[in-house]
C-alpha atoms as a PDB file:
ATOM      1  CA  UNK A   1     -38.261 -59.716  -5.293  1.00  0.00           C
ATOM      2  CA  UNK A   2     -37.419 -63.134  -3.519  1.00  0.00           C
ATOM      3  CA  UNK A   3     -38.979 -66.451  -3.750  1.00  0.00           C
ATOM      4  CA  UNK A   4     -41.181 -67.043  -0.326  1.00  0.00           C
ATOM      5  CA  UNK A   5     -39.338 -70.568  -0.662  1.00  0.00           C
ATOM      6  CA  UNK A   6     -36.194 -69.301  -0.221  1.00  0.00           C
ATOM      7  CA  UNK A   7     -37.272 -66.717   2.617  1.00  0.00           C
ATOM      8  CA  UNK A   8     -38.906 -70.304   4.226  1.00  0.00           C
ATOM      9  CA  UNK A   9     -35.630 -71.823   4.091  1.00  0.00           C
ATOM     10  CA  UNK A  10     -33.831 -68.984   5.696  1.00  0.00           C
ATOM     11  CA  UNK A  11     -36.327 -68.632   8.617  1.00  0.00           C
ATOM     12  CA  UNK A  12     -36.114 -72.838   9.166  1.00  0.00           C
ATOM     13  CA  UNK A  13     -32.311 -72.324   9.410  1.00  0.00           C
ATOM     14  CA  UNK A  14     -32.499 -69.337  11.685  1.00  0.00           C
ATOM     15  CA  UNK A  15     -34.857 -71.160  13.983  1.00  0.00           C
ATOM     16  CA  UNK A  16     -32.801 -74.472  13.950  1.00  0.00           C
ATOM     17  CA  UNK A  17     -29.456 -73.430  14.034  1.00  0.00           C
ATOM     18  CA  UNK A  18     -28.557 -73.917  17.535  1.00  0.00           C
ATOM     19  CA  UNK A  19     -30.149 -77.316  17.814  1.00  0.00           C
ATOM     20  CA  UNK A  20     -27.344 -80.102  17.826  1.00  0.00           C
ATOM     21  CA  UNK A  21     -27.320 -82.694  14.804  1.00  0.00           C
ATOM     22  CA  UNK A  22     -30.550 -80.664  13.162  1.00  0.00           C
ATOM     23  CA  UNK A  23     -28.450 -79.719  10.278  1.00  0.00           C
ATOM     24  CA  UNK A  24     -26.495 -83.160   9.755  1.00  0.00           C
ATOM     25  CA  UNK A  25     -25.669 -83.458   6.093  1.00  0.00           C
ATOM     26  CA  UNK A  26     -27.610 -80.098   5.741  1.00  0.00           C
ATOM     27  CA  UNK A  27     -25.938 -76.844   4.120  1.00  0.00           C
ATOM     28  CA  UNK A  28     -26.941 -73.083   5.143  1.00  0.00           C
ATOM     29  CA  UNK A  29     -29.463 -71.800   2.346  1.00  0.00           C
ATOM     30  CA  UNK A  30     -26.794 -69.052   2.335  1.00  0.00           C
ATOM     31  CA  UNK A  31     -24.125 -71.570   1.141  1.00  0.00           C
ATOM     32  CA  UNK A  32     -22.612 -71.404  -1.441  1.00  0.00           C
ATOM     33  CA  UNK A  33     -22.085 -67.663  -1.304  1.00  0.00           C
ATOM     34  CA  UNK A  34     -23.433 -65.656  -4.040  1.00  0.00           C
ATOM     35  CA  UNK A  35     -21.135 -64.303  -6.744  1.00  0.00           C
ATOM     36  CA  UNK A  36     -21.563 -60.708  -5.440  1.00  0.00           C
ATOM     37  CA  UNK A  37     -19.071 -57.754  -5.778  1.00  0.00           C
ATOM     38  CA  UNK A  38     -18.702 -57.859  -1.793  1.00  0.00           C
ATOM     39  CA  UNK A  39     -17.591 -61.301  -1.603  1.00  0.00           C
ATOM     40  CA  UNK A  40     -15.251 -61.199  -4.462  1.00  0.00           C
ATOM     41  CA  UNK A  41     -13.656 -58.094  -3.215  1.00  0.00           C
ATOM     42  CA  UNK A  42     -13.333 -59.856   0.122  1.00  0.00           C
ATOM     43  CA  UNK A  43     -11.682 -62.755  -1.592  1.00  0.00           C
ATOM     44  CA  UNK A  44      -9.391 -60.388  -3.306  1.00  0.00           C
ATOM     45  CA  UNK A  45      -8.589 -58.715  -0.065  1.00  0.00           C
ATOM     46  CA  UNK A  46      -7.549 -62.085   1.263  1.00  0.00           C
ATOM     47  CA  UNK A  47      -5.295 -63.098  -1.574  1.00  0.00           C
ATOM     48  CA  UNK A  48      -3.314 -60.087  -1.533  1.00  0.00           C
ATOM     49  CA  UNK A  49      -2.894 -60.095   2.156  1.00  0.00           C
ATOM     50  CA  UNK A  50      -1.808 -63.823   2.031  1.00  0.00           C
ATOM     51  CA  UNK A  51       0.643 -63.476  -1.131  1.00  0.00           C
ATOM     52  CA  UNK A  52       3.321 -61.155   1.216  1.00  0.00           C
ATOM     53  CA  UNK A  53       3.330 -63.620   3.832  1.00  0.00           C
ATOM     54  CA  UNK A  54       3.798 -66.502   1.127  1.00  0.00           C
ATOM     55  CA  UNK A  55       6.667 -64.560  -0.351  1.00  0.00           C
ATOM     56  CA  UNK A  56       8.203 -63.557   2.931  1.00  0.00           C
ATOM     57  CA  UNK A  57       8.244 -67.139   4.103  1.00  0.00           C
ATOM     58  CA  UNK A  58       9.706 -68.384   0.390  1.00  0.00           C
ATOM     59  CA  UNK A  59      12.052 -65.848   0.967  1.00  0.00           C
ATOM     60  CA  UNK A  60      13.194 -66.998   4.570  1.00  0.00           C
ATOM     61  CA  UNK A  61      13.311 -70.896   3.291  1.00  0.00           C
ATOM     62  CA  UNK A  62      15.242 -70.215   0.031  1.00  0.00           C
ATOM     63  CA  UNK A  63      17.387 -67.187   0.790  1.00  0.00           C
ATOM     64  CA  UNK A  64      18.047 -67.935   4.604  1.00  0.00           C
ATOM     65  CA  UNK A  65      18.343 -71.638   4.261  1.00  0.00           C
ATOM     66  CA  UNK A  66      15.894 -71.672   6.987  1.00  0.00           C
ATOM     67  CA  UNK A  67      14.474 -75.453   7.188  1.00  0.00           C
ATOM     68  CA  UNK A  68      11.493 -74.664   9.924  1.00  0.00           C
ATOM     69  CA  UNK A  69       9.914 -72.272   7.196  1.00  0.00           C
ATOM     70  CA  UNK A  70       9.224 -74.972   5.122  1.00  0.00           C
ATOM     71  CA  UNK A  71       5.810 -75.888   6.797  1.00  0.00           C
ATOM     72  CA  UNK A  72       4.556 -72.435   6.267  1.00  0.00           C
ATOM     73  CA  UNK A  73       5.870 -72.410   2.821  1.00  0.00           C
ATOM     74  CA  UNK A  74       3.450 -75.029   2.058  1.00  0.00           C
ATOM     75  CA  UNK A  75       0.752 -73.850   3.966  1.00  0.00           C
ATOM     76  CA  UNK A  76       0.360 -70.717   2.636  1.00  0.00           C
ATOM     77  CA  UNK A  77       1.209 -71.570  -0.687  1.00  0.00           C
ATOM     78  CA  UNK A  78      -1.806 -73.826  -0.615  1.00  0.00           C
ATOM     79  CA  UNK A  79      -3.684 -71.324   1.000  1.00  0.00           C
ATOM     80  CA  UNK A  80      -2.691 -68.904  -2.173  1.00  0.00           C
ATOM     81  CA  UNK A  81      -4.125 -71.474  -4.651  1.00  0.00           C
ATOM     82  CA  UNK A  82      -7.297 -71.855  -2.653  1.00  0.00           C
ATOM     83  CA  UNK A  83      -8.079 -67.969  -2.359  1.00  0.00           C
ATOM     84  CA  UNK A  84      -7.252 -67.730  -6.324  1.00  0.00           C
ATOM     85  CA  UNK A  85      -9.725 -70.317  -7.098  1.00  0.00           C
ATOM     86  CA  UNK A  86     -12.027 -68.743  -4.278  1.00  0.00           C
ATOM     87  CA  UNK A  87     -11.460 -65.547  -6.115  1.00  0.00           C
ATOM     88  CA  UNK A  88     -12.179 -66.764  -9.826  1.00  0.00           C
ATOM     89  CA  UNK A  89     -15.583 -68.812  -8.445  1.00  0.00           C
ATOM     90  CA  UNK A  90     -16.904 -65.475  -6.636  1.00  0.00           C
ATOM     91  CA  UNK A  91     -16.288 -62.762  -9.723  1.00  0.00           C
ATOM     92  CA  UNK A  92     -19.499 -61.669 -10.519  1.00  0.00           C
ATOM     93  CA  UNK A  93     -20.990 -62.162 -13.933  1.00  0.00           C
ATOM     94  CA  UNK A  94     -21.161 -59.190 -16.298  1.00  0.00           C
ATOM     95  CA  UNK A  95     -24.671 -58.264 -16.265  1.00  0.00           C
ATOM     96  CA  UNK A  96     -24.050 -57.151 -12.608  1.00  0.00           C
ATOM     97  CA  UNK A  97     -25.666 -60.133 -10.793  1.00  0.00           C
ATOM     98  CA  UNK A  98     -28.846 -60.234 -12.447  1.00  0.00           C
ATOM     99  CA  UNK A  99     -29.468 -63.557 -13.727  1.00  0.00           C
ATOM    100  CA  UNK A 100     -32.514 -64.497 -15.649  1.00  0.00           C
ATOM    101  CA  UNK A 101     -34.042 -67.687 -16.511  1.00  0.00           C
ATOM    102  CA  UNK A 102     -35.378 -68.049 -19.908  1.00  0.00           C
ATOM    103  CA  UNK A 103     -39.286 -67.198 -19.093  1.00  0.00           C
ATOM    104  CA  UNK A 104     -38.091 -64.152 -17.636  1.00  0.00           C
ATOM    105  CA  UNK A 105     -35.819 -63.095 -20.554  1.00  0.00           C
ATOM    106  CA  UNK A 106     -38.512 -64.053 -22.723  1.00  0.00           C
ATOM    107  CA  UNK A 107     -40.967 -61.679 -20.913  1.00  0.00           C
ATOM    108  CA  UNK A 108     -38.275 -58.953 -20.423  1.00  0.00           C
ATOM    109  CA  UNK A 109     -38.200 -59.124 -24.202  1.00  0.00           C
ATOM    110  CA  UNK A 110     -41.798 -58.894 -24.932  1.00  0.00           C
ATOM    111  CA  UNK A 111     -42.076 -56.097 -22.596  1.00  0.00           C
ATOM    112  CA  UNK A 112     -39.747 -53.957 -24.503  1.00  0.00           C
ATOM    113  CA  UNK A 113     -41.718 -54.521 -27.758  1.00  0.00           C
ATOM    114  CA  UNK A 114     -45.112 -53.393 -26.401  1.00  0.00           C
ATOM    115  CA  UNK A 115     -46.319 -50.048 -28.128  1.00  0.00           C
ATOM    116  CA  UNK A 116     -47.347 -47.503 -25.706  1.00  0.00           C
ATOM    117  CA  UNK A 117     -50.708 -46.470 -26.524  1.00  0.00           C
ATOM    118  CA  UNK A 118     -52.366 -43.270 -25.630  1.00  0.00           C
ATOM    119  CA  UNK A 119     -54.692 -42.869 -22.873  1.00  0.00           C
ATOM    120  CA  UNK A 120     -58.389 -43.160 -23.684  1.00  0.00           C
ATOM    121  CA  UNK A 121     -60.219 -40.298 -23.367  1.00  0.00           C
ATOM    122  CA  UNK A 122     -63.445 -39.968 -21.012  1.00  0.00           C
ATOM    123  CA  UNK A 123     -65.873 -38.766 -23.844  1.00  0.00           C
ATOM    124  CA  UNK A 124     -69.548 -39.580 -22.481  1.00  0.00           C
ATOM    125  CA  UNK A 125     -71.117 -37.111 -24.431  1.00  0.00           C
END
């Protein structure tokens, strides 16, 4: 269940997202992106689409001696490095995106140890 404070931040963002200069020095409440499987897969797709382009420009520069492709080699090489770091950053946790605070973890372990008791009978005689 989401915290009401997070919902208020998203509503404020939606109300003022088109007002000029309202969000100066502020970021969206949805930034940075959460570590979900969808964002991670999207970053991997971008990486695997970028690598062949980078290799093609490397081939053009080194094998064909085309000096015009050097800027593209540098640009796509930097983009590959950025996408690798992004894929590492967005890789979801092993607990399937469920992060628990210490208090929630303590409550979870206490709830697990409770013994179920039989129902009380309504015996009025």
